[in-house]
Amino acid sequence: MKATARRIATASLSLALLTGAAAAMAPTASAASRPPAKCSYNFPDFWGWVDTNGTNVRTGPSTSYSSRGQLYVDDRMTIRCGRGDWYYGTIVSAKNGLRGSGWVRHDMILNN
C-alpha cells in the first residue's frame, strides 16, 4: 500500500512539475504574434514614444531592410521585443495614419 501511494505521489509531483514547466515555457499572447526568428530578446510589452521626426519603421532589424513609412515625435508604439539596437513593435498612433508593425532603432524611442 505504501509503495502504491508513493508511486502515485511521485507521478503527481512529476506531472505537476512538467505542467508547470510547460506553462512557464509557453509564450505570452504578444510573444506568439511577433517574429520569433528575428527577435533575440523579449520585453513585457511597453509603450514607446517616437523621439525623432522622420523615424523609419523597417521590415527588419537593420537599415538594409526597406522602410514601411515614417513616424514623428510623439507617435506611439507598443514595443514587444528586440534584436541588437532595434525594437520591434506595433504602431498604436501615428500622425500620418501609418499602421501595422515594424522595426525602429532603440535610440528613436522613449519608453514610459
PDB file of N, CA and C in Angstrom:
ATOM      1  N   MET A   1       0.821  -1.192   0.000  1.00  0.00           N
ATOM      2  CA  MET A   1       0.000   0.000   0.000  1.00  0.00           C
ATOM      3  C   MET A   1       0.867   1.258   0.000  1.00  0.00           C
ATOM      4  N   LYS A   2       1.916   1.267   0.838  1.00  0.00           N
ATOM      5  CA  LYS A   2       2.798   2.425   0.881  1.00  0.00           C
ATOM      6  C   LYS A   2       3.504   2.625  -0.458  1.00  0.00           C
ATOM      7  N   ALA A   3       3.916   1.546  -1.095  1.00  0.00           N
ATOM      8  CA  ALA A   3       4.596   1.645  -2.379  1.00  0.00           C
ATOM      9  C   ALA A   3       3.663   2.247  -3.431  1.00  0.00           C
ATOM     10  N   THR A   4       2.405   1.872  -3.437  1.00  0.00           N
ATOM     11  CA  THR A   4       1.436   2.412  -4.390  1.00  0.00           C
ATOM     12  C   THR A   4       1.210   3.896  -4.136  1.00  0.00           C
ATOM     13  N   ALA A   5       1.056   4.255  -2.872  1.00  0.00           N
ATOM     14  CA  ALA A   5       0.859   5.659  -2.521  1.00  0.00           C
ATOM     15  C   ALA A   5       2.078   6.487  -2.935  1.00  0.00           C
ATOM     16  N   ARG A   6       3.260   5.929  -2.736  1.00  0.00           N
ATOM     17  CA  ARG A   6       4.486   6.617  -3.112  1.00  0.00           C
ATOM     18  C   ARG A   6       4.560   6.811  -4.629  1.00  0.00           C
ATOM     19  N   ARG A   7       4.180   5.775  -5.381  1.00  0.00           N
ATOM     20  CA  ARG A   7       4.184   5.875  -6.846  1.00  0.00           C
ATOM     21  C   ARG A   7       3.199   6.942  -7.317  1.00  0.00           C
ATOM     22  N   ILE A   8       2.026   6.981  -6.718  1.00  0.00           N
ATOM     23  CA  ILE A   8       1.016   7.979  -7.086  1.00  0.00           C
ATOM     24  C   ILE A   8       1.523   9.381  -6.758  1.00  0.00           C
ATOM     25  N   ALA A   9       2.115   9.540  -5.588  1.00  0.00           N
ATOM     26  CA  ALA A   9       2.650  10.845  -5.193  1.00  0.00           C
ATOM     27  C   ALA A   9       3.775  11.279  -6.136  1.00  0.00           C
ATOM     28  N   THR A  10       4.655  10.337  -6.492  1.00  0.00           N
ATOM     29  CA  THR A  10       5.746  10.650  -7.410  1.00  0.00           C
ATOM     30  C   THR A  10       5.212  11.023  -8.784  1.00  0.00           C
ATOM     31  N   ALA A  11       4.230  10.282  -9.262  1.00  0.00           N
ATOM     32  CA  ALA A  11       3.631  10.578 -10.570  1.00  0.00           C
ATOM     33  C   ALA A  11       2.934  11.936 -10.542  1.00  0.00           C
ATOM     34  N   SER A  12       2.228  12.221  -9.449  1.00  0.00           N
ATOM     35  CA  SER A  12       1.547  13.517  -9.333  1.00  0.00           C
ATOM     36  C   SER A  12       2.548  14.661  -9.310  1.00  0.00           C
ATOM     37  N   LEU A  13       3.622  14.501  -8.564  1.00  0.00           N
ATOM     38  CA  LEU A  13       4.654  15.532  -8.496  1.00  0.00           C
ATOM     39  C   LEU A  13       5.305  15.723  -9.866  1.00  0.00           C
ATOM     40  N   SER A  14       5.612  14.628 -10.538  1.00  0.00           N
ATOM     41  CA  SER A  14       6.218  14.715 -11.872  1.00  0.00           C
ATOM     42  C   SER A  14       5.299  15.437 -12.841  1.00  0.00           C
ATOM     43  N   LEU A  15       4.011  15.104 -12.793  1.00  0.00           N
ATOM     44  CA  LEU A  15       3.045  15.745 -13.677  1.00  0.00           C
ATOM     45  C   LEU A  15       2.942  17.236 -13.367  1.00  0.00           C
ATOM     46  N   ALA A  16       2.928  17.585 -12.094  1.00  0.00           N
ATOM     47  CA  ALA A  16       2.845  18.997 -11.704  1.00  0.00           C
ATOM     48  C   ALA A  16       4.080  19.760 -12.176  1.00  0.00           C
ATOM     49  N   LEU A  17       5.251  19.159 -12.022  1.00  0.00           N
ATOM     50  CA  LEU A  17       6.476  19.820 -12.472  1.00  0.00           C
ATOM     51  C   LEU A  17       6.497  19.973 -13.981  1.00  0.00           C
ATOM     52  N   LEU A  18       6.094  18.931 -14.696  1.00  0.00           N
ATOM     53  CA  LEU A  18       6.063  19.007 -16.156  1.00  0.00           C
ATOM     54  C   LEU A  18       5.050  20.036 -16.634  1.00  0.00           C
ATOM     55  N   THR A  19       3.897  20.074 -16.028  1.00  0.00           N
ATOM     56  CA  THR A  19       2.862  21.033 -16.417  1.00  0.00           C
ATOM     57  C   THR A  19       3.318  22.452 -16.123  1.00  0.00           C
ATOM     58  N   GLY A  20       3.924  22.662 -14.974  1.00  0.00           N
ATOM     59  CA  GLY A  20       4.422  23.981 -14.612  1.00  0.00           C
ATOM     60  C   GLY A  20       5.528  24.433 -15.546  1.00  0.00           C
ATOM     61  N   ALA A  21       6.410  23.522 -15.898  1.00  0.00           N
ATOM     62  CA  ALA A  21       7.492  23.867 -16.819  1.00  0.00           C
ATOM     63  C   ALA A  21       6.937  24.208 -18.190  1.00  0.00           C
ATOM     64  N   ALA A  22       5.933  23.482 -18.632  1.00  0.00           N
ATOM     65  CA  ALA A  22       5.330  23.768 -19.939  1.00  0.00           C
ATOM     66  C   ALA A  22       4.653  25.125 -19.915  1.00  0.00           C
ATOM     67  N   ALA A  23       3.980  25.451 -18.807  1.00  0.00           N
ATOM     68  CA  ALA A  23       3.316  26.756 -18.709  1.00  0.00           C
ATOM     69  C   ALA A  23       4.348  27.879 -18.664  1.00  0.00           C
ATOM     70  N   ALA A  24       5.451  27.638 -17.984  1.00  0.00           N
ATOM     71  CA  ALA A  24       6.486  28.667 -17.899  1.00  0.00           C
ATOM     72  C   ALA A  24       7.163  28.889 -19.245  1.00  0.00           C
ATOM     73  N   MET A  25       7.219  27.846 -20.086  1.00  0.00           N
ATOM     74  CA  MET A  25       7.871  27.966 -21.376  1.00  0.00           C
ATOM     75  C   MET A  25       6.930  28.449 -22.471  1.00  0.00           C
ATOM     76  N   ALA A  26       5.633  28.431 -22.228  1.00  0.00           N
ATOM     77  CA  ALA A  26       4.676  28.860 -23.235  1.00  0.00           C
ATOM     78  C   ALA A  26       4.792  30.364 -23.458  1.00  0.00           C
ATOM     79  N   PRO A  27       4.746  30.808 -24.722  1.00  0.00           N
ATOM     80  CA  PRO A  27       4.854  32.241 -24.977  1.00  0.00           C
ATOM     81  C   PRO A  27       3.601  32.979 -24.562  1.00  0.00           C
ATOM     82  N   THR A  28       3.754  34.251 -24.229  1.00  0.00           N
ATOM     83  CA  THR A  28       2.602  35.086 -23.940  1.00  0.00           C
ATOM     84  C   THR A  28       1.855  35.334 -25.240  1.00  0.00           C
ATOM     85  N   ALA A  29       0.666  35.881 -25.148  1.00  0.00           N
ATOM     86  CA  ALA A  29      -0.119  36.146 -26.349  1.00  0.00           C
ATOM     87  C   ALA A  29       0.624  37.083 -27.284  1.00  0.00           C
ATOM     88  N   SER A  30       1.289  38.114 -26.737  1.00  0.00           N
ATOM     89  CA  SER A  30       2.000  39.039 -27.611  1.00  0.00           C
ATOM     90  C   SER A  30       3.260  38.399 -28.177  1.00  0.00           C
ATOM     91  N   ALA A  31       3.872  37.489 -27.426  1.00  0.00           N
ATOM     92  CA  ALA A  31       5.065  36.832 -27.934  1.00  0.00           C
ATOM     93  C   ALA A  31       4.728  35.944 -29.120  1.00  0.00           C
ATOM     94  N   ALA A  32       3.552  35.343 -29.101  1.00  0.00           N
ATOM     95  CA  ALA A  32       3.155  34.476 -30.193  1.00  0.00           C
ATOM     96  C   ALA A  32       2.936  35.260 -31.480  1.00  0.00           C
ATOM     97  N   SER A  33       2.662  36.560 -31.382  1.00  0.00           N
ATOM     98  CA  SER A  33       2.378  37.356 -32.566  1.00  0.00           C
ATOM     99  C   SER A  33       3.605  38.045 -33.141  1.00  0.00           C
ATOM    100  N   ARG A  34       4.745  37.948 -32.521  1.00  0.00           N
ATOM    101  CA  ARG A  34       5.939  38.621 -33.035  1.00  0.00           C
ATOM    102  C   ARG A  34       6.806  37.640 -33.803  1.00  0.00           C
ATOM    103  N   PRO A  35       7.676  38.144 -34.657  1.00  0.00           N
ATOM    104  CA  PRO A  35       8.506  37.259 -35.479  1.00  0.00           C
ATOM    105  C   PRO A  35       9.632  36.630 -34.658  1.00  0.00           C
ATOM    106  N   PRO A  36       9.470  35.394 -34.222  1.00  0.00           N
ATOM    107  CA  PRO A  36      10.443  34.784 -33.310  1.00  0.00           C
ATOM    108  C   PRO A  36      11.836  34.617 -33.920  1.00  0.00           C
ATOM    109  N   ALA A  37      11.942  34.470 -35.226  1.00  0.00           N
ATOM    110  CA  ALA A  37      13.252  34.251 -35.831  1.00  0.00           C
ATOM    111  C   ALA A  37      14.117  35.508 -35.783  1.00  0.00           C
ATOM    112  N   LYS A  38      13.509  36.673 -35.751  1.00  0.00           N
ATOM    113  CA  LYS A  38      14.286  37.912 -35.776  1.00  0.00           C
ATOM    114  C   LYS A  38      14.516  38.496 -34.390  1.00  0.00           C
ATOM    115  N   CYS A  39      13.640  38.237 -33.437  1.00  0.00           N
ATOM    116  CA  CYS A  39      13.810  38.791 -32.088  1.00  0.00           C
ATOM    117  C   CYS A  39      14.801  37.944 -31.306  1.00  0.00           C
ATOM    118  N   SER A  40      15.736  38.598 -30.643  1.00  0.00           N
ATOM    119  CA  SER A  40      16.672  37.853 -29.803  1.00  0.00           C
ATOM    120  C   SER A  40      16.413  38.076 -28.318  1.00  0.00           C
ATOM    121  N   TYR A  41      15.562  39.052 -27.982  1.00  0.00           N
ATOM    122  CA  TYR A  41      15.147  39.247 -26.595  1.00  0.00           C
ATOM    123  C   TYR A  41      13.730  39.803 -26.593  1.00  0.00           C
ATOM    124  N   ASN A  42      12.999  39.496 -25.529  1.00  0.00           N
ATOM    125  CA  ASN A  42      11.602  39.909 -25.397  1.00  0.00           C
ATOM    126  C   ASN A  42      11.451  40.912 -24.271  1.00  0.00           C
ATOM    127  N   PHE A  43      10.404  41.697 -24.384  1.00  0.00           N
ATOM    128  CA  PHE A  43      10.033  42.645 -23.340  1.00  0.00           C
ATOM    129  C   PHE A  43       8.644  42.305 -22.847  1.00  0.00           C
ATOM    130  N   PRO A  44       8.341  42.648 -21.586  1.00  0.00           N
ATOM    131  CA  PRO A  44       6.933  42.759 -21.269  1.00  0.00           C
ATOM    132  C   PRO A  44       6.485  43.985 -22.074  1.00  0.00           C
ATOM    133  N   ASP A  45       5.430  43.868 -22.828  1.00  0.00           N
ATOM    134  CA  ASP A  45       5.025  44.961 -23.721  1.00  0.00           C
ATOM    135  C   ASP A  45       5.036  46.303 -22.993  1.00  0.00           C
ATOM    136  N   PHE A  46       5.607  47.318 -23.633  1.00  0.00           N
ATOM    137  CA  PHE A  46       5.575  48.664 -23.074  1.00  0.00           C
ATOM    138  C   PHE A  46       5.333  49.663 -24.195  1.00  0.00           C
ATOM    139  N   TRP A  47       4.788  50.799 -23.819  1.00  0.00           N
ATOM    140  CA  TRP A  47       4.564  51.863 -24.789  1.00  0.00           C
ATOM    141  C   TRP A  47       5.842  52.652 -24.954  1.00  0.00           C
ATOM    142  N   GLY A  48       6.147  52.970 -26.200  1.00  0.00           N
ATOM    143  CA  GLY A  48       7.276  53.826 -26.505  1.00  0.00           C
ATOM    144  C   GLY A  48       6.804  54.976 -27.377  1.00  0.00           C
ATOM    145  N   TRP A  49       7.361  56.137 -27.131  1.00  0.00           N
ATOM    146  CA  TRP A  49       7.038  57.321 -27.931  1.00  0.00           C
ATOM    147  C   TRP A  49       8.213  57.626 -28.840  1.00  0.00           C
ATOM    148  N   VAL A  50       7.903  57.980 -30.082  1.00  0.00           N
ATOM    149  CA  VAL A  50       8.940  58.341 -31.036  1.00  0.00           C
ATOM    150  C   VAL A  50       9.547  59.675 -30.612  1.00  0.00           C
ATOM    151  N   ASP A  51      10.860  59.730 -30.644  1.00  0.00           N
ATOM    152  CA  ASP A  51      11.605  60.891 -30.153  1.00  0.00           C
ATOM    153  C   ASP A  51      12.182  61.751 -31.272  1.00  0.00           C
ATOM    154  N   THR A  52      12.128  61.275 -32.521  1.00  0.00           N
ATOM    155  CA  THR A  52      12.767  61.973 -33.629  1.00  0.00           C
ATOM    156  C   THR A  52      11.855  61.980 -34.853  1.00  0.00           C
ATOM    157  N   ASN A  53      11.667  63.132 -35.461  1.00  0.00           N
ATOM    158  CA  ASN A  53      10.869  63.212 -36.683  1.00  0.00           C
ATOM    159  C   ASN A  53      11.528  62.439 -37.819  1.00  0.00           C
ATOM    160  N   GLY A  54      10.697  61.764 -38.622  1.00  0.00           N
ATOM    161  CA  GLY A  54      11.200  61.011 -39.768  1.00  0.00           C
ATOM    162  C   GLY A  54      11.813  59.675 -39.413  1.00  0.00           C
ATOM    163  N   THR A  55      11.415  59.106 -38.271  1.00  0.00           N
ATOM    164  CA  THR A  55      11.928  57.802 -37.853  1.00  0.00           C
ATOM    165  C   THR A  55      11.357  56.716 -38.766  1.00  0.00           C
ATOM    166  N   ASN A  56      12.240  55.980 -39.421  1.00  0.00           N
ATOM    167  CA  ASN A  56      11.803  54.904 -40.313  1.00  0.00           C
ATOM    168  C   ASN A  56      11.307  53.701 -39.528  1.00  0.00           C
ATOM    169  N   VAL A  57      10.202  53.131 -39.988  1.00  0.00           N
ATOM    170  CA  VAL A  57       9.707  51.845 -39.488  1.00  0.00           C
ATOM    171  C   VAL A  57      10.096  50.838 -40.558  1.00  0.00           C
ATOM    172  N   ARG A  58      10.939  49.890 -40.207  1.00  0.00           N
ATOM    173  CA  ARG A  58      11.507  48.977 -41.202  1.00  0.00           C
ATOM    174  C   ARG A  58      10.928  47.570 -41.103  1.00  0.00           C
ATOM    175  N   THR A  59      11.132  46.813 -42.167  1.00  0.00           N
ATOM    176  CA  THR A  59      10.624  45.438 -42.228  1.00  0.00           C
ATOM    177  C   THR A  59      11.529  44.462 -41.481  1.00  0.00           C
ATOM    178  N   GLY A  60      12.704  44.882 -41.082  1.00  0.00           N
ATOM    179  CA  GLY A  60      13.635  44.047 -40.335  1.00  0.00           C
ATOM    180  C   GLY A  60      14.569  44.906 -39.505  1.00  0.00           C
ATOM    181  N   PRO A  61      15.394  44.260 -38.670  1.00  0.00           N
ATOM    182  CA  PRO A  61      16.205  44.982 -37.693  1.00  0.00           C
ATOM    183  C   PRO A  61      17.556  45.505 -38.207  1.00  0.00           C
ATOM    184  N   SER A  62      17.536  46.251 -39.304  1.00  0.00           N
ATOM    185  CA  SER A  62      18.744  46.962 -39.763  1.00  0.00           C
ATOM    186  C   SER A  62      18.351  47.906 -40.883  1.00  0.00           C
ATOM    187  N   THR A  63      19.260  48.808 -41.232  1.00  0.00           N
ATOM    188  CA  THR A  63      18.977  49.762 -42.312  1.00  0.00           C
ATOM    189  C   THR A  63      18.967  49.088 -43.681  1.00  0.00           C
ATOM    190  N   SER A  64      19.403  47.854 -43.774  1.00  0.00           N
ATOM    191  CA  SER A  64      19.355  47.145 -45.056  1.00  0.00           C
ATOM    192  C   SER A  64      17.934  46.684 -45.404  1.00  0.00           C
ATOM    193  N   TYR A  65      17.022  46.706 -44.443  1.00  0.00           N
ATOM    194  CA  TYR A  65      15.626  46.362 -44.703  1.00  0.00           C
ATOM    195  C   TYR A  65      14.885  47.601 -45.202  1.00  0.00           C
ATOM    196  N   SER A  66      13.843  47.382 -45.989  1.00  0.00           N
ATOM    197  CA  SER A  66      13.094  48.514 -46.543  1.00  0.00           C
ATOM    198  C   SER A  66      12.249  49.203 -45.463  1.00  0.00           C
ATOM    199  N   SER A  67      11.981  50.476 -45.715  1.00  0.00           N
ATOM    200  CA  SER A  67      11.154  51.269 -44.805  1.00  0.00           C
ATOM    201  C   SER A  67       9.682  51.071 -45.166  1.00  0.00           C
ATOM    202  N   ARG A  68       8.852  50.892 -44.152  1.00  0.00           N
ATOM    203  CA  ARG A  68       7.402  50.802 -44.342  1.00  0.00           C
ATOM    204  C   ARG A  68       6.767  52.184 -44.307  1.00  0.00           C
ATOM    205  N   GLY A  69       7.504  53.158 -43.802  1.00  0.00           N
ATOM    206  CA  GLY A  69       6.998  54.512 -43.643  1.00  0.00           C
ATOM    207  C   GLY A  69       7.752  55.192 -42.520  1.00  0.00           C
ATOM    208  N   GLN A  70       7.294  56.376 -42.163  1.00  0.00           N
ATOM    209  CA  GLN A  70       7.984  57.137 -41.135  1.00  0.00           C
ATOM    210  C   GLN A  70       7.043  57.537 -40.012  1.00  0.00           C
ATOM    211  N   LEU A  71       7.630  57.658 -38.824  1.00  0.00           N
ATOM    212  CA  LEU A  71       6.912  58.133 -37.646  1.00  0.00           C
ATOM    213  C   LEU A  71       7.524  59.462 -37.207  1.00  0.00           C
ATOM    214  N   TYR A  72       6.775  60.173 -36.382  1.00  0.00           N
ATOM    215  CA  TYR A  72       7.180  61.516 -35.974  1.00  0.00           C
ATOM    216  C   TYR A  72       7.088  61.661 -34.460  1.00  0.00           C
ATOM    217  N   VAL A  73       7.685  62.727 -33.938  1.00  0.00           N
ATOM    218  CA  VAL A  73       7.714  62.959 -32.492  1.00  0.00           C
ATOM    219  C   VAL A  73       6.318  62.783 -31.889  1.00  0.00           C
ATOM    220  N   ASP A  74       6.258  62.035 -30.814  1.00  0.00           N
ATOM    221  CA  ASP A  74       5.049  61.719 -30.040  1.00  0.00           C
ATOM    222  C   ASP A  74       4.141  60.671 -30.674  1.00  0.00           C
ATOM    223  N   ASP A  75       4.472  60.118 -31.856  1.00  0.00           N
ATOM    224  CA  ASP A  75       3.763  58.935 -32.324  1.00  0.00           C
ATOM    225  C   ASP A  75       4.090  57.812 -31.344  1.00  0.00           C
ATOM    226  N   ARG A  76       3.207  56.840 -31.232  1.00  0.00           N
ATOM    227  CA  ARG A  76       3.351  55.833 -30.179  1.00  0.00           C
ATOM    228  C   ARG A  76       3.354  54.424 -30.745  1.00  0.00           C
ATOM    229  N   MET A  77       4.177  53.554 -30.129  1.00  0.00           N
ATOM    230  CA  MET A  77       4.240  52.127 -30.476  1.00  0.00           C
ATOM    231  C   MET A  77       4.176  51.289 -29.206  1.00  0.00           C
ATOM    232  N   THR A  78       3.666  50.078 -29.336  1.00  0.00           N
ATOM    233  CA  THR A  78       3.793  49.088 -28.277  1.00  0.00           C
ATOM    234  C   THR A  78       5.014  48.254 -28.629  1.00  0.00           C
ATOM    235  N   ILE A  79       6.043  48.331 -27.816  1.00  0.00           N
ATOM    236  CA  ILE A  79       7.292  47.618 -28.082  1.00  0.00           C
ATOM    237  C   ILE A  79       7.169  46.212 -27.501  1.00  0.00           C
ATOM    238  N   ARG A  80       7.493  45.215 -28.310  1.00  0.00           N
ATOM    239  CA  ARG A  80       7.297  43.816 -27.917  1.00  0.00           C
ATOM    240  C   ARG A  80       8.605  43.044 -27.719  1.00  0.00           C
ATOM    241  N   CYS A  81       9.606  43.323 -28.547  1.00  0.00           N
ATOM    242  CA  CYS A  81      10.859  42.575 -28.451  1.00  0.00           C
ATOM    243  C   CYS A  81      11.941  43.344 -29.192  1.00  0.00           C
ATOM    244  N   GLY A  82      13.129  42.774 -29.250  1.00  0.00           N
ATOM    245  CA  GLY A  82      14.196  43.468 -29.926  1.00  0.00           C
ATOM    246  C   GLY A  82      15.286  42.551 -30.416  1.00  0.00           C
ATOM    247  N   ARG A  83      16.194  43.161 -31.150  1.00  0.00           N
ATOM    248  CA  ARG A  83      17.385  42.469 -31.639  1.00  0.00           C
ATOM    249  C   ARG A  83      18.474  43.521 -31.800  1.00  0.00           C
ATOM    250  N   GLY A  84      19.541  43.366 -31.061  1.00  0.00           N
ATOM    251  CA  GLY A  84      20.610  44.352 -31.109  1.00  0.00           C
ATOM    252  C   GLY A  84      20.091  45.723 -30.710  1.00  0.00           C
ATOM    253  N   ASP A  85      20.324  46.704 -31.566  1.00  0.00           N
ATOM    254  CA  ASP A  85      19.894  48.083 -31.301  1.00  0.00           C
ATOM    255  C   ASP A  85      18.509  48.393 -31.849  1.00  0.00           C
ATOM    256  N   TRP A  86      17.736  47.377 -32.169  1.00  0.00           N
ATOM    257  CA  TRP A  86      16.440  47.571 -32.818  1.00  0.00           C
ATOM    258  C   TRP A  86      15.309  47.026 -31.963  1.00  0.00           C
ATOM    259  N   TYR A  87      14.188  47.742 -31.951  1.00  0.00           N
ATOM    260  CA  TYR A  87      12.967  47.314 -31.265  1.00  0.00           C
ATOM    261  C   TYR A  87      11.917  46.958 -32.311  1.00  0.00           C
ATOM    262  N   TYR A  88      11.151  45.905 -32.012  1.00  0.00           N
ATOM    263  CA  TYR A  88      10.019  45.524 -32.853  1.00  0.00           C
ATOM    264  C   TYR A  88       8.740  45.872 -32.106  1.00  0.00           C
ATOM    265  N   GLY A  89       7.802  46.495 -32.788  1.00  0.00           N
ATOM    266  CA  GLY A  89       6.562  46.850 -32.124  1.00  0.00           C
ATOM    267  C   GLY A  89       5.430  47.108 -33.086  1.00  0.00           C
ATOM    268  N   THR A  90       4.276  47.361 -32.499  1.00  0.00           N
ATOM    269  CA  THR A  90       3.057  47.668 -33.232  1.00  0.00           C
ATOM    270  C   THR A  90       2.753  49.149 -33.078  1.00  0.00           C
ATOM    271  N   ILE A  91       2.442  49.792 -34.184  1.00  0.00           N
ATOM    272  CA  ILE A  91       2.128  51.219 -34.156  1.00  0.00           C
ATOM    273  C   ILE A  91       0.750  51.400 -33.532  1.00  0.00           C
ATOM    274  N   VAL A  92       0.680  52.208 -32.485  1.00  0.00           N
ATOM    275  CA  VAL A  92      -0.581  52.474 -31.787  1.00  0.00           C
ATOM    276  C   VAL A  92      -1.216  53.745 -32.335  1.00  0.00           C
ATOM    277  N   SER A  93      -0.413  54.786 -32.511  1.00  0.00           N
ATOM    278  CA  SER A  93      -0.935  56.022 -33.086  1.00  0.00           C
ATOM    279  C   SER A  93       0.172  56.708 -33.874  1.00  0.00           C
ATOM    280  N   ALA A  94      -0.196  57.195 -35.051  1.00  0.00           N
ATOM    281  CA  ALA A  94       0.750  57.911 -35.909  1.00  0.00           C
ATOM    282  C   ALA A  94       0.013  59.067 -36.565  1.00  0.00           C
ATOM    283  N   LYS A  95       0.627  60.220 -36.551  1.00  0.00           N
ATOM    284  CA  LYS A  95       0.001  61.423 -37.122  1.00  0.00           C
ATOM    285  C   LYS A  95      -0.328  61.258 -38.605  1.00  0.00           C
ATOM    286  N   ASN A  96       0.493  60.468 -39.314  1.00  0.00           N
ATOM    287  CA  ASN A  96       0.275  60.285 -40.747  1.00  0.00           C
ATOM    288  C   ASN A  96      -0.608  59.077 -41.079  1.00  0.00           C
ATOM    289  N   GLY A  97      -1.155  58.405 -40.045  1.00  0.00           N
ATOM    290  CA  GLY A  97      -2.056  57.279 -40.268  1.00  0.00           C
ATOM    291  C   GLY A  97      -1.380  55.939 -40.502  1.00  0.00           C
ATOM    292  N   LEU A  98      -0.053  55.879 -40.412  1.00  0.00           N
ATOM    293  CA  LEU A  98       0.670  54.617 -40.603  1.00  0.00           C
ATOM    294  C   LEU A  98       0.193  53.600 -39.564  1.00  0.00           C
ATOM    295  N   ARG A  99      -0.042  52.380 -39.998  1.00  0.00           N
ATOM    296  CA  ARG A  99      -0.500  51.305 -39.107  1.00  0.00           C
ATOM    297  C   ARG A  99       0.343  50.058 -39.328  1.00  0.00           C
ATOM    298  N   GLY A 100       0.197  49.090 -38.434  1.00  0.00           N
ATOM    299  CA  GLY A 100       0.905  47.822 -38.572  1.00  0.00           C
ATOM    300  C   GLY A 100       2.043  47.709 -37.583  1.00  0.00           C
ATOM    301  N   SER A 101       3.007  46.861 -37.931  1.00  0.00           N
ATOM    302  CA  SER A 101       4.151  46.589 -37.067  1.00  0.00           C
ATOM    303  C   SER A 101       5.440  46.792 -37.838  1.00  0.00           C
ATOM    304  N   GLY A 102       6.521  46.961 -37.090  1.00  0.00           N
ATOM    305  CA  GLY A 102       7.812  47.098 -37.739  1.00  0.00           C
ATOM    306  C   GLY A 102       8.926  47.339 -36.744  1.00  0.00           C
ATOM    307  N   TRP A 103      10.100  47.575 -37.280  1.00  0.00           N
ATOM    308  CA  TRP A 103      11.319  47.732 -36.506  1.00  0.00           C
ATOM    309  C   TRP A 103      11.783  49.190 -36.516  1.00  0.00           C
ATOM    310  N   VAL A 104      12.191  49.683 -35.346  1.00  0.00           N
ATOM    311  CA  VAL A 104      12.762  51.024 -35.222  1.00  0.00           C
ATOM    312  C   VAL A 104      14.029  50.935 -34.355  1.00  0.00           C
ATOM    313  N   ARG A 105      14.961  51.841 -34.612  1.00  0.00           N
ATOM    314  CA  ARG A 105      16.173  51.864 -33.776  1.00  0.00           C
ATOM    315  C   ARG A 105      15.786  52.242 -32.346  1.00  0.00           C
ATOM    316  N   HIS A 106      16.425  51.622 -31.388  1.00  0.00           N
ATOM    317  CA  HIS A 106      16.087  51.845 -29.978  1.00  0.00           C
ATOM    318  C   HIS A 106      16.291  53.301 -29.550  1.00  0.00           C
ATOM    319  N   ASP A 107      17.258  53.996 -30.154  1.00  0.00           N
ATOM    320  CA  ASP A 107      17.523  55.371 -29.729  1.00  0.00           C
ATOM    321  C   ASP A 107      16.535  56.384 -30.308  1.00  0.00           C
ATOM    322  N   MET A 108      15.555  55.909 -31.079  1.00  0.00           N
ATOM    323  CA  MET A 108      14.492  56.776 -31.601  1.00  0.00           C
ATOM    324  C   MET A 108      13.228  56.677 -30.744  1.00  0.00           C
ATOM    325  N   ILE A 109      13.264  55.839 -29.704  1.00  0.00           N
ATOM    326  CA  ILE A 109      12.092  55.559 -28.875  1.00  0.00           C
ATOM    327  C   ILE A 109      12.354  55.934 -27.427  1.00  0.00           C
ATOM    328  N   LEU A 110      11.424  56.644 -26.817  1.00  0.00           N
ATOM    329  CA  LEU A 110      11.427  56.893 -25.370  1.00  0.00           C
ATOM    330  C   LEU A 110      10.404  55.962 -24.765  1.00  0.00           C
ATOM    331  N   ASN A 111      10.732  55.321 -23.659  1.00  0.00           N
ATOM    332  CA  ASN A 111       9.719  54.464 -23.026  1.00  0.00           C
ATOM    333  C   ASN A 111       9.099  55.168 -21.829  1.00  0.00           C
ATOM    334  N   ASN A 112       7.931  54.651 -21.439  1.00  0.00           N
ATOM    335  CA  ASN A 112       7.200  55.287 -20.338  1.00  0.00           C
ATOM    336  C   ASN A 112       7.690  54.839 -18.995  1.00  0.00           C
TER     337      ASN A 112
END
